[in-house]
């Protein structure tokens, strides 16, 4: 057996859990907290139930410690979008056309 597919799958799972927790901890959604000692999300049941309805893939994170969060945050944080400097597709195409026209 090759180790690569299993390692790749494990990385994909950890990355997915990281992104889910990062979204819950992010500024765009309130109602979640973070227990630094236990390394887990804190929440009210109503908040959790509402979140799971729109994010069913997080069901397995309920009451679970995620001790690798800080390490994965260091790795993946720069990959998360912040919407700073974001453009809609029309603006991006116009900018490309202007750059091509200037050359």
PDB file of N, CA and C in Angstrom:
ATOM      1  N   UNK A   1       0.837  -1.183   0.000  1.00  0.00           N
ATOM      2  CA  UNK A   1       0.000   0.000   0.000  1.00  0.00           C
ATOM      3  C   UNK A   1       0.881   1.246   0.000  1.00  0.00           C
ATOM      4  N   UNK A   2       0.419   2.236  -0.704  1.00  0.00           N
ATOM      5  CA  UNK A   2       1.113   3.513  -0.707  1.00  0.00           C
ATOM      6  C   UNK A   2       0.569   4.386   0.418  1.00  0.00           C
ATOM      7  N   UNK A   3       1.459   5.116   1.038  1.00  0.00           N
ATOM      8  CA  UNK A   3       1.058   5.989   2.149  1.00  0.00           C
ATOM      9  C   UNK A   3       0.443   7.291   1.660  1.00  0.00           C
ATOM     10  N   UNK A   4       0.829   7.718   0.466  1.00  0.00           N
ATOM     11  CA  UNK A   4       0.428   9.032  -0.025  1.00  0.00           C
ATOM     12  C   UNK A   4      -1.081   9.280  -0.027  1.00  0.00           C
ATOM     13  N   UNK A   5      -1.909   8.387  -0.543  1.00  0.00           N
ATOM     14  CA  UNK A   5      -3.344   8.716  -0.528  1.00  0.00           C
ATOM     15  C   UNK A   5      -3.898   8.878   0.887  1.00  0.00           C
ATOM     16  N   UNK A   6      -3.391   8.110   1.823  1.00  0.00           N
ATOM     17  CA  UNK A   6      -3.874   8.193   3.199  1.00  0.00           C
ATOM     18  C   UNK A   6      -3.399   9.475   3.872  1.00  0.00           C
ATOM     19  N   UNK A   7      -2.170   9.849   3.603  1.00  0.00           N
ATOM     20  CA  UNK A   7      -1.643  11.102   4.154  1.00  0.00           C
ATOM     21  C   UNK A   7      -2.387  12.288   3.544  1.00  0.00           C
ATOM     22  N   UNK A   8      -2.595  12.259   2.236  1.00  0.00           N
ATOM     23  CA  UNK A   8      -3.320  13.342   1.565  1.00  0.00           C
ATOM     24  C   UNK A   8      -4.738  13.473   2.114  1.00  0.00           C
ATOM     25  N   UNK A   9      -5.396  12.345   2.350  1.00  0.00           N
ATOM     26  CA  UNK A   9      -6.750  12.374   2.907  1.00  0.00           C
ATOM     27  C   UNK A   9      -6.748  12.964   4.312  1.00  0.00           C
ATOM     28  N   UNK A  10      -5.785  12.588   5.114  1.00  0.00           N
ATOM     29  CA  UNK A  10      -5.698  13.110   6.492  1.00  0.00           C
ATOM     30  C   UNK A  10      -5.457  14.623   6.483  1.00  0.00           C
ATOM     31  N   UNK A  11      -4.610  15.080   5.587  1.00  0.00           N
ATOM     32  CA  UNK A  11      -4.351  16.519   5.459  1.00  0.00           C
ATOM     33  C   UNK A  11      -5.632  17.241   5.042  1.00  0.00           C
ATOM     34  N   UNK A  12      -6.359  16.661   4.099  1.00  0.00           N
ATOM     35  CA  UNK A  12      -7.603  17.267   3.632  1.00  0.00           C
ATOM     36  C   UNK A  12      -8.621  17.365   4.776  1.00  0.00           C
ATOM     37  N   UNK A  13      -8.725  16.322   5.583  1.00  0.00           N
ATOM     38  CA  UNK A  13      -9.652  16.323   6.713  1.00  0.00           C
ATOM     39  C   UNK A  13      -9.259  17.378   7.740  1.00  0.00           C
ATOM     40  N   UNK A  14      -7.976  17.435   8.089  1.00  0.00           N
ATOM     41  CA  UNK A  14      -7.516  18.431   9.065  1.00  0.00           C
ATOM     42  C   UNK A  14      -7.739  19.848   8.550  1.00  0.00           C
ATOM     43  N   UNK A  15      -7.458  20.066   7.265  1.00  0.00           N
ATOM     44  CA  UNK A  15      -7.649  21.390   6.674  1.00  0.00           C
ATOM     45  C   UNK A  15      -9.130  21.778   6.713  1.00  0.00           C
ATOM     46  N   UNK A  16     -10.008  20.824   6.401  1.00  0.00           N
ATOM     47  CA  UNK A  16     -11.448  21.101   6.451  1.00  0.00           C
ATOM     48  C   UNK A  16     -11.916  21.463   7.845  1.00  0.00           C
ATOM     49  N   UNK A  17     -11.436  20.734   8.840  1.00  0.00           N
ATOM     50  CA  UNK A  17     -11.796  21.049  10.228  1.00  0.00           C
ATOM     51  C   UNK A  17     -11.257  22.423  10.622  1.00  0.00           C
ATOM     52  N   UNK A  18     -10.020  22.707  10.227  1.00  0.00           N
ATOM     53  CA  UNK A  18      -9.442  24.012  10.540  1.00  0.00           C
ATOM     54  C   UNK A  18     -10.305  25.135   9.949  1.00  0.00           C
ATOM     55  N   UNK A  19     -10.647  25.032   8.651  1.00  0.00           N
ATOM     56  CA  UNK A  19     -11.423  26.084   8.005  1.00  0.00           C
ATOM     57  C   UNK A  19     -12.793  26.255   8.662  1.00  0.00           C
ATOM     58  N   UNK A  20     -13.421  25.153   9.064  1.00  0.00           N
ATOM     59  CA  UNK A  20     -14.721  25.235   9.726  1.00  0.00           C
ATOM     60  C   UNK A  20     -14.597  25.975  11.056  1.00  0.00           C
ATOM     61  N   UNK A  21     -13.582  25.632  11.841  1.00  0.00           N
ATOM     62  CA  UNK A  21     -13.390  26.289  13.134  1.00  0.00           C
ATOM     63  C   UNK A  21     -12.992  27.746  12.941  1.00  0.00           C
ATOM     64  N   UNK A  22     -12.137  28.009  11.966  1.00  0.00           N
ATOM     65  CA  UNK A  22     -11.725  29.390  11.702  1.00  0.00           C
ATOM     66  C   UNK A  22     -12.922  30.245  11.302  1.00  0.00           C
ATOM     67  N   UNK A  23     -13.840  29.667  10.546  1.00  0.00           N
ATOM     68  CA  UNK A  23     -15.039  30.414  10.160  1.00  0.00           C
ATOM     69  C   UNK A  23     -15.905  30.701  11.380  1.00  0.00           C
ATOM     70  N   UNK A  24     -16.047  29.722  12.264  1.00  0.00           N
ATOM     71  CA  UNK A  24     -16.839  29.933  13.477  1.00  0.00           C
ATOM     72  C   UNK A  24     -16.190  30.977  14.381  1.00  0.00           C
ATOM     73  N   UNK A  25     -14.873  31.012  14.411  1.00  0.00           N
ATOM     74  CA  UNK A  25     -14.165  31.962  15.265  1.00  0.00           C
ATOM     75  C   UNK A  25     -14.043  33.339  14.628  1.00  0.00           C
ATOM     76  N   UNK A  26     -14.309  33.427  13.349  1.00  0.00           N
ATOM     77  CA  UNK A  26     -14.105  34.668  12.612  1.00  0.00           C
ATOM     78  C   UNK A  26     -15.094  35.757  12.971  1.00  0.00           C
ATOM     79  N   UNK A  27     -14.801  36.964  12.523  1.00  0.00           N
ATOM     80  CA  UNK A  27     -15.630  38.123  12.864  1.00  0.00           C
ATOM     81  C   UNK A  27     -16.987  38.128  12.177  1.00  0.00           C
ATOM     82  N   UNK A  28     -17.154  37.337  11.133  1.00  0.00           N
ATOM     83  CA  UNK A  28     -18.414  37.375  10.394  1.00  0.00           C
ATOM     84  C   UNK A  28     -19.531  36.601  11.082  1.00  0.00           C
ATOM     85  N   UNK A  29     -19.217  35.805  12.096  1.00  0.00           N
ATOM     86  CA  UNK A  29     -20.265  35.072  12.788  1.00  0.00           C
ATOM     87  C   UNK A  29     -20.024  35.141  14.286  1.00  0.00           C
ATOM     88  N   UNK A  30     -20.981  35.726  15.009  1.00  0.00           N
ATOM     89  CA  UNK A  30     -20.855  35.802  16.460  1.00  0.00           C
ATOM     90  C   UNK A  30     -21.655  34.678  17.092  1.00  0.00           C
ATOM     91  N   UNK A  31     -21.404  34.445  18.333  1.00  0.00           N
ATOM     92  CA  UNK A  31     -22.113  33.403  19.050  1.00  0.00           C
ATOM     93  C   UNK A  31     -21.220  32.241  19.425  1.00  0.00           C
ATOM     94  N   UNK A  32     -20.052  32.180  18.791  1.00  0.00           N
ATOM     95  CA  UNK A  32     -19.090  31.142  19.120  1.00  0.00           C
ATOM     96  C   UNK A  32     -17.936  31.749  19.903  1.00  0.00           C
ATOM     97  N   UNK A  33     -17.368  30.961  20.760  1.00  0.00           N
ATOM     98  CA  UNK A  33     -16.184  31.361  21.493  1.00  0.00           C
ATOM     99  C   UNK A  33     -15.124  30.289  21.332  1.00  0.00           C
ATOM    100  N   UNK A  34     -14.012  30.469  22.003  1.00  0.00           N
ATOM    101  CA  UNK A  34     -12.909  29.519  21.923  1.00  0.00           C
ATOM    102  C   UNK A  34     -12.368  29.285  23.316  1.00  0.00           C
ATOM    103  N   UNK A  35     -12.294  28.042  23.718  1.00  0.00           N
ATOM    104  CA  UNK A  35     -11.717  27.665  24.993  1.00  0.00           C
ATOM    105  C   UNK A  35     -10.256  27.314  24.734  1.00  0.00           C
ATOM    106  N   UNK A  36      -9.365  28.210  25.116  1.00  0.00           N
ATOM    107  CA  UNK A  36      -7.939  28.038  24.830  1.00  0.00           C
ATOM    108  C   UNK A  36      -7.355  26.832  25.564  1.00  0.00           C
ATOM    109  N   UNK A  37      -7.815  26.593  26.752  1.00  0.00           N
ATOM    110  CA  UNK A  37      -7.275  25.469  27.526  1.00  0.00           C
ATOM    111  C   UNK A  37      -7.664  24.127  26.911  1.00  0.00           C
ATOM    112  N   UNK A  38      -8.947  23.990  26.529  1.00  0.00           N
ATOM    113  CA  UNK A  38      -9.433  22.735  25.950  1.00  0.00           C
ATOM    114  C   UNK A  38      -9.263  22.673  24.435  1.00  0.00           C
ATOM    115  N   UNK A  39      -8.927  23.825  23.822  1.00  0.00           N
ATOM    116  CA  UNK A  39      -8.777  23.927  22.367  1.00  0.00           C
ATOM    117  C   UNK A  39     -10.051  23.463  21.660  1.00  0.00           C
ATOM    118  N   UNK A  40     -11.162  24.084  22.036  1.00  0.00           N
ATOM    119  CA  UNK A  40     -12.422  23.719  21.400  1.00  0.00           C
ATOM    120  C   UNK A  40     -13.343  24.940  21.309  1.00  0.00           C
ATOM    121  N   UNK A  41     -14.303  24.836  20.406  1.00  0.00           N
ATOM    122  CA  UNK A  41     -15.306  25.878  20.217  1.00  0.00           C
ATOM    123  C   UNK A  41     -16.288  25.834  21.374  1.00  0.00           C
ATOM    124  N   UNK A  42     -16.706  27.017  21.835  1.00  0.00           N
ATOM    125  CA  UNK A  42     -17.768  27.105  22.836  1.00  0.00           C
ATOM    126  C   UNK A  42     -18.963  27.777  22.169  1.00  0.00           C
ATOM    127  N   UNK A  43     -20.159  27.422  22.630  1.00  0.00           N
ATOM    128  CA  UNK A  43     -21.367  27.900  21.961  1.00  0.00           C
ATOM    129  C   UNK A  43     -22.584  27.605  22.818  1.00  0.00           C
ATOM    130  N   UNK A  44     -23.669  28.288  22.483  1.00  0.00           N
ATOM    131  CA  UNK A  44     -24.979  27.954  23.021  1.00  0.00           C
ATOM    132  C   UNK A  44     -25.605  26.928  22.081  1.00  0.00           C
ATOM    133  N   UNK A  45     -26.473  26.087  22.603  1.00  0.00           N
ATOM    134  CA  UNK A  45     -27.102  25.064  21.766  1.00  0.00           C
ATOM    135  C   UNK A  45     -27.877  25.663  20.598  1.00  0.00           C
ATOM    136  N   UNK A  46     -28.554  26.795  20.818  1.00  0.00           N
ATOM    137  CA  UNK A  46     -29.310  27.432  19.732  1.00  0.00           C
ATOM    138  C   UNK A  46     -28.387  27.885  18.612  1.00  0.00           C
ATOM    139  N   UNK A  47     -27.251  28.467  18.988  1.00  0.00           N
ATOM    140  CA  UNK A  47     -26.274  28.920  18.000  1.00  0.00           C
ATOM    141  C   UNK A  47     -25.752  27.729  17.210  1.00  0.00           C
ATOM    142  N   UNK A  48     -25.420  26.650  17.914  1.00  0.00           N
ATOM    143  CA  UNK A  48     -24.887  25.453  17.249  1.00  0.00           C
ATOM    144  C   UNK A  48     -25.915  24.855  16.289  1.00  0.00           C
ATOM    145  N   UNK A  49     -27.146  24.721  16.742  1.00  0.00           N
ATOM    146  CA  UNK A  49     -28.192  24.127  15.906  1.00  0.00           C
ATOM    147  C   UNK A  49     -28.417  24.935  14.633  1.00  0.00           C
ATOM    148  N   UNK A  50     -28.413  26.248  14.757  1.00  0.00           N
ATOM    149  CA  UNK A  50     -28.579  27.118  13.585  1.00  0.00           C
ATOM    150  C   UNK A  50     -27.398  26.960  12.633  1.00  0.00           C
ATOM    151  N   UNK A  51     -26.200  26.901  13.177  1.00  0.00           N
ATOM    152  CA  UNK A  51     -24.993  26.790  12.354  1.00  0.00           C
ATOM    153  C   UNK A  51     -24.977  25.464  11.588  1.00  0.00           C
ATOM    154  N   UNK A  52     -25.332  24.382  12.268  1.00  0.00           N
ATOM    155  CA  UNK A  52     -25.291  23.055  11.648  1.00  0.00           C
ATOM    156  C   UNK A  52     -26.299  22.946  10.503  1.00  0.00           C
ATOM    157  N   UNK A  53     -27.409  23.651  10.599  1.00  0.00           N
ATOM    158  CA  UNK A  53     -28.388  23.619   9.507  1.00  0.00           C
ATOM    159  C   UNK A  53     -27.793  24.138   8.203  1.00  0.00           C
ATOM    160  N   UNK A  54     -26.955  25.158   8.290  1.00  0.00           N
ATOM    161  CA  UNK A  54     -26.358  25.715   7.082  1.00  0.00           C
ATOM    162  C   UNK A  54     -24.949  25.191   6.812  1.00  0.00           C
ATOM    163  N   UNK A  55     -24.355  24.492   7.760  1.00  0.00           N
ATOM    164  CA  UNK A  55     -23.011  23.931   7.627  1.00  0.00           C
ATOM    165  C   UNK A  55     -23.003  22.496   8.164  1.00  0.00           C
ATOM    166  N   UNK A  56     -23.656  21.564   7.489  1.00  0.00           N
ATOM    167  CA  UNK A  56     -23.812  20.203   8.033  1.00  0.00           C
ATOM    168  C   UNK A  56     -22.502  19.450   8.236  1.00  0.00           C
ATOM    169  N   UNK A  57     -21.446  19.845   7.570  1.00  0.00           N
ATOM    170  CA  UNK A  57     -20.160  19.160   7.684  1.00  0.00           C
ATOM    171  C   UNK A  57     -19.474  19.386   9.028  1.00  0.00           C
ATOM    172  N   UNK A  58     -19.991  20.288   9.860  1.00  0.00           N
ATOM    173  CA  UNK A  58     -19.355  20.563  11.152  1.00  0.00           C
ATOM    174  C   UNK A  58     -19.917  19.715  12.289  1.00  0.00           C
ATOM    175  N   UNK A  59     -20.874  18.862  12.006  1.00  0.00           N
ATOM    176  CA  UNK A  59     -21.521  18.063  13.047  1.00  0.00           C
ATOM    177  C   UNK A  59     -20.493  17.353  13.924  1.00  0.00           C
ATOM    178  N   UNK A  60     -19.462  16.796  13.349  1.00  0.00           N
ATOM    179  CA  UNK A  60     -18.454  16.053  14.098  1.00  0.00           C
ATOM    180  C   UNK A  60     -17.575  16.904  15.000  1.00  0.00           C
ATOM    181  N   UNK A  61     -17.677  18.214  14.915  1.00  0.00           N
ATOM    182  CA  UNK A  61     -16.832  19.092  15.731  1.00  0.00           C
ATOM    183  C   UNK A  61     -17.468  19.442  17.074  1.00  0.00           C
ATOM    184  N   UNK A  62     -18.693  19.028  17.260  1.00  0.00           N
ATOM    185  CA  UNK A  62     -19.397  19.367  18.509  1.00  0.00           C
ATOM    186  C   UNK A  62     -18.692  18.710  19.698  1.00  0.00           C
ATOM    187  N   UNK A  63     -18.354  19.534  20.691  1.00  0.00           N
ATOM    188  CA  UNK A  63     -17.695  19.084  21.927  1.00  0.00           C
ATOM    189  C   UNK A  63     -16.385  18.346  21.676  1.00  0.00           C
ATOM    190  N   UNK A  64     -15.694  18.677  20.601  1.00  0.00           N
ATOM    191  CA  UNK A  64     -14.438  18.004  20.275  1.00  0.00           C
ATOM    192  C   UNK A  64     -13.272  18.970  20.424  1.00  0.00           C
ATOM    193  N   UNK A  65     -12.219  18.474  21.018  1.00  0.00           N
ATOM    194  CA  UNK A  65     -10.989  19.240  21.122  1.00  0.00           C
ATOM    195  C   UNK A  65     -10.277  19.206  19.772  1.00  0.00           C
ATOM    196  N   UNK A  66      -9.657  20.309  19.412  1.00  0.00           N
ATOM    197  CA  UNK A  66      -8.894  20.383  18.158  1.00  0.00           C
ATOM    198  C   UNK A  66      -7.531  20.969  18.491  1.00  0.00           C
ATOM    199  N   UNK A  67      -6.676  20.125  19.035  1.00  0.00           N
ATOM    200  CA  UNK A  67      -5.394  20.567  19.580  1.00  0.00           C
ATOM    201  C   UNK A  67      -4.423  21.096  18.532  1.00  0.00           C
ATOM    202  N   UNK A  68      -4.646  20.815  17.256  1.00  0.00           N
ATOM    203  CA  UNK A  68      -3.734  21.269  16.208  1.00  0.00           C
ATOM    204  C   UNK A  68      -4.138  22.616  15.615  1.00  0.00           C
ATOM    205  N   UNK A  69      -5.140  23.275  16.202  1.00  0.00           N
ATOM    206  CA  UNK A  69      -5.648  24.511  15.605  1.00  0.00           C
ATOM    207  C   UNK A  69      -4.553  25.564  15.432  1.00  0.00           C
ATOM    208  N   UNK A  70      -3.758  25.812  16.449  1.00  0.00           N
ATOM    209  CA  UNK A  70      -2.735  26.865  16.369  1.00  0.00           C
ATOM    210  C   UNK A  70      -1.709  26.569  15.279  1.00  0.00           C
ATOM    211  N   UNK A  71      -1.292  25.321  15.168  1.00  0.00           N
ATOM    212  CA  UNK A  71      -0.313  24.952  14.149  1.00  0.00           C
ATOM    213  C   UNK A  71      -0.916  25.108  12.747  1.00  0.00           C
ATOM    214  N   UNK A  72      -2.155  24.663  12.577  1.00  0.00           N
ATOM    215  CA  UNK A  72      -2.804  24.792  11.276  1.00  0.00           C
ATOM    216  C   UNK A  72      -3.130  26.245  10.963  1.00  0.00           C
ATOM    217  N   UNK A  73      -3.413  27.043  11.977  1.00  0.00           N
ATOM    218  CA  UNK A  73      -3.643  28.465  11.767  1.00  0.00           C
ATOM    219  C   UNK A  73      -2.392  29.118  11.196  1.00  0.00           C
ATOM    220  N   UNK A  74      -1.254  28.728  11.694  1.00  0.00           N
ATOM    221  CA  UNK A  74       0.013  29.252  11.186  1.00  0.00           C
ATOM    222  C   UNK A  74       0.198  28.890   9.709  1.00  0.00           C
ATOM    223  N   UNK A  75      -0.207  27.687   9.344  1.00  0.00           N
ATOM    224  CA  UNK A  75      -0.028  27.211   7.972  1.00  0.00           C
ATOM    225  C   UNK A  75      -1.065  27.807   7.023  1.00  0.00           C
ATOM    226  N   UNK A  76      -2.338  27.778   7.414  1.00  0.00           N
ATOM    227  CA  UNK A  76      -3.422  28.105   6.484  1.00  0.00           C
ATOM    228  C   UNK A  76      -3.981  29.511   6.605  1.00  0.00           C
ATOM    229  N   UNK A  77      -3.642  30.244   7.639  1.00  0.00           N
ATOM    230  CA  UNK A  77      -4.254  31.553   7.845  1.00  0.00           C
ATOM    231  C   UNK A  77      -4.051  32.479   6.647  1.00  0.00           C
ATOM    232  N   UNK A  78      -2.895  32.433   6.065  1.00  0.00           N
ATOM    233  CA  UNK A  78      -2.623  33.325   4.941  1.00  0.00           C
ATOM    234  C   UNK A  78      -3.444  32.973   3.706  1.00  0.00           C
ATOM    235  N   UNK A  79      -3.992  31.747   3.660  1.00  0.00           N
ATOM    236  CA  UNK A  79      -4.792  31.325   2.525  1.00  0.00           C
ATOM    237  C   UNK A  79      -6.255  31.737   2.632  1.00  0.00           C
ATOM    238  N   UNK A  80      -6.660  32.223   3.787  1.00  0.00           N
ATOM    239  CA  UNK A  80      -8.062  32.602   3.979  1.00  0.00           C
ATOM    240  C   UNK A  80      -8.302  33.991   3.406  1.00  0.00           C
ATOM    241  N   UNK A  81      -9.380  34.128   2.694  1.00  0.00           N
ATOM    242  CA  UNK A  81      -9.735  35.420   2.118  1.00  0.00           C
ATOM    243  C   UNK A  81     -10.215  36.388   3.179  1.00  0.00           C
ATOM    244  N   UNK A  82      -9.865  37.668   3.011  1.00  0.00           N
ATOM    245  CA  UNK A  82     -10.303  38.691   3.956  1.00  0.00           C
ATOM    246  C   UNK A  82     -11.238  39.707   3.311  1.00  0.00           C
ATOM    247  N   UNK A  83     -11.464  39.569   2.016  1.00  0.00           N
ATOM    248  CA  UNK A  83     -12.281  40.487   1.219  1.00  0.00           C
ATOM    249  C   UNK A  83     -11.614  41.835   1.026  1.00  0.00           C
ATOM    250  N   UNK A  84     -10.458  42.046   1.617  1.00  0.00           N
ATOM    251  CA  UNK A  84      -9.740  43.301   1.442  1.00  0.00           C
ATOM    252  C   UNK A  84      -9.189  43.333   0.019  1.00  0.00           C
ATOM    253  N   UNK A  85      -9.529  44.359  -0.709  1.00  0.00           N
ATOM    254  CA  UNK A  85      -9.057  44.499  -2.082  1.00  0.00           C
ATOM    255  C   UNK A  85      -9.789  43.605  -3.067  1.00  0.00           C
ATOM    256  N   UNK A  86     -10.880  42.995  -2.652  1.00  0.00           N
ATOM    257  CA  UNK A  86     -11.626  42.109  -3.536  1.00  0.00           C
ATOM    258  C   UNK A  86     -12.308  42.911  -4.638  1.00  0.00           C
ATOM    259  N   UNK A  87     -12.411  42.306  -5.804  1.00  0.00           N
ATOM    260  CA  UNK A  87     -13.064  42.942  -6.947  1.00  0.00           C
ATOM    261  C   UNK A  87     -14.089  41.972  -7.500  1.00  0.00           C
ATOM    262  N   UNK A  88     -15.115  42.543  -8.085  1.00  0.00           N
ATOM    263  CA  UNK A  88     -16.069  41.671  -8.752  1.00  0.00           C
ATOM    264  C   UNK A  88     -15.521  41.332 -10.134  1.00  0.00           C
ATOM    265  N   UNK A  89     -16.032  40.317 -10.805  1.00  0.00           N
ATOM    266  CA  UNK A  89     -15.473  39.884 -12.087  1.00  0.00           C
ATOM    267  C   UNK A  89     -15.467  40.968 -13.160  1.00  0.00           C
ATOM    268  N   UNK A  90     -16.478  41.799 -13.176  1.00  0.00           N
ATOM    269  CA  UNK A  90     -16.543  42.858 -14.190  1.00  0.00           C
ATOM    270  C   UNK A  90     -15.402  43.848 -14.009  1.00  0.00           C
ATOM    271  N   UNK A  91     -15.155  44.268 -12.753  1.00  0.00           N
ATOM    272  CA  UNK A  91     -14.042  45.190 -12.483  1.00  0.00           C
ATOM    273  C   UNK A  91     -12.708  44.552 -12.847  1.00  0.00           C
ATOM    274  N   UNK A  92     -12.542  43.277 -12.554  1.00  0.00           N
ATOM    275  CA  UNK A  92     -11.282  42.594 -12.859  1.00  0.00           C
ATOM    276  C   UNK A  92     -11.055  42.539 -14.366  1.00  0.00           C
ATOM    277  N   UNK A  93     -12.089  42.244 -15.142  1.00  0.00           N
ATOM    278  CA  UNK A  93     -11.957  42.182 -16.606  1.00  0.00           C
ATOM    279  C   UNK A  93     -11.625  43.559 -17.160  1.00  0.00           C
ATOM    280  N   UNK A  94     -12.292  44.588 -16.657  1.00  0.00           N
ATOM    281  CA  UNK A  94     -11.995  45.953 -17.113  1.00  0.00           C
ATOM    282  C   UNK A  94     -10.547  46.333 -16.813  1.00  0.00           C
ATOM    283  N   UNK A  95     -10.052  45.960 -15.638  1.00  0.00           N
ATOM    284  CA  UNK A  95      -8.661  46.253 -15.283  1.00  0.00           C
ATOM    285  C   UNK A  95      -7.692  45.532 -16.208  1.00  0.00           C
ATOM    286  N   UNK A  96      -7.981  44.281 -16.529  1.00  0.00           N
ATOM    287  CA  UNK A  96      -7.131  43.523 -17.450  1.00  0.00           C
ATOM    288  C   UNK A  96      -7.137  44.172 -18.823  1.00  0.00           C
ATOM    289  N   UNK A  97      -8.322  44.577 -19.307  1.00  0.00           N
ATOM    290  CA  UNK A  97      -8.426  45.233 -20.614  1.00  0.00           C
ATOM    291  C   UNK A  97      -7.619  46.529 -20.636  1.00  0.00           C
ATOM    292  N   UNK A  98      -7.690  47.319 -19.554  1.00  0.00           N
ATOM    293  CA  UNK A  98      -6.916  48.555 -19.499  1.00  0.00           C
ATOM    294  C   UNK A  98      -5.415  48.290 -19.505  1.00  0.00           C
ATOM    295  N   UNK A  99      -4.988  47.272 -18.787  1.00  0.00           N
ATOM    296  CA  UNK A  99      -3.558  46.921 -18.756  1.00  0.00           C
ATOM    297  C   UNK A  99      -3.081  46.468 -20.121  1.00  0.00           C
ATOM    298  N   UNK A 100      -3.898  45.680 -20.821  1.00  0.00           N
ATOM    299  CA  UNK A 100      -3.523  45.212 -22.173  1.00  0.00           C
ATOM    300  C   UNK A 100      -3.505  46.377 -23.155  1.00  0.00           C
ATOM    301  N   UNK A 101      -4.411  47.314 -22.994  1.00  0.00           N
ATOM    302  CA  UNK A 101      -4.484  48.467 -23.887  1.00  0.00           C
ATOM    303  C   UNK A 101      -3.263  49.375 -23.707  1.00  0.00           C
ATOM    304  N   UNK A 102      -2.775  49.513 -22.466  1.00  0.00           N
ATOM    305  CA  UNK A 102      -1.632  50.365 -22.175  1.00  0.00           C
ATOM    306  C   UNK A 102      -0.323  49.781 -22.706  1.00  0.00           C
ATOM    307  N   UNK A 103      -0.274  48.485 -22.926  1.00  0.00           N
ATOM    308  CA  UNK A 103       0.994  47.863 -23.368  1.00  0.00           C
ATOM    309  C   UNK A 103       1.193  48.006 -24.808  1.00  0.00           C
TER     310      UNK A 103
END
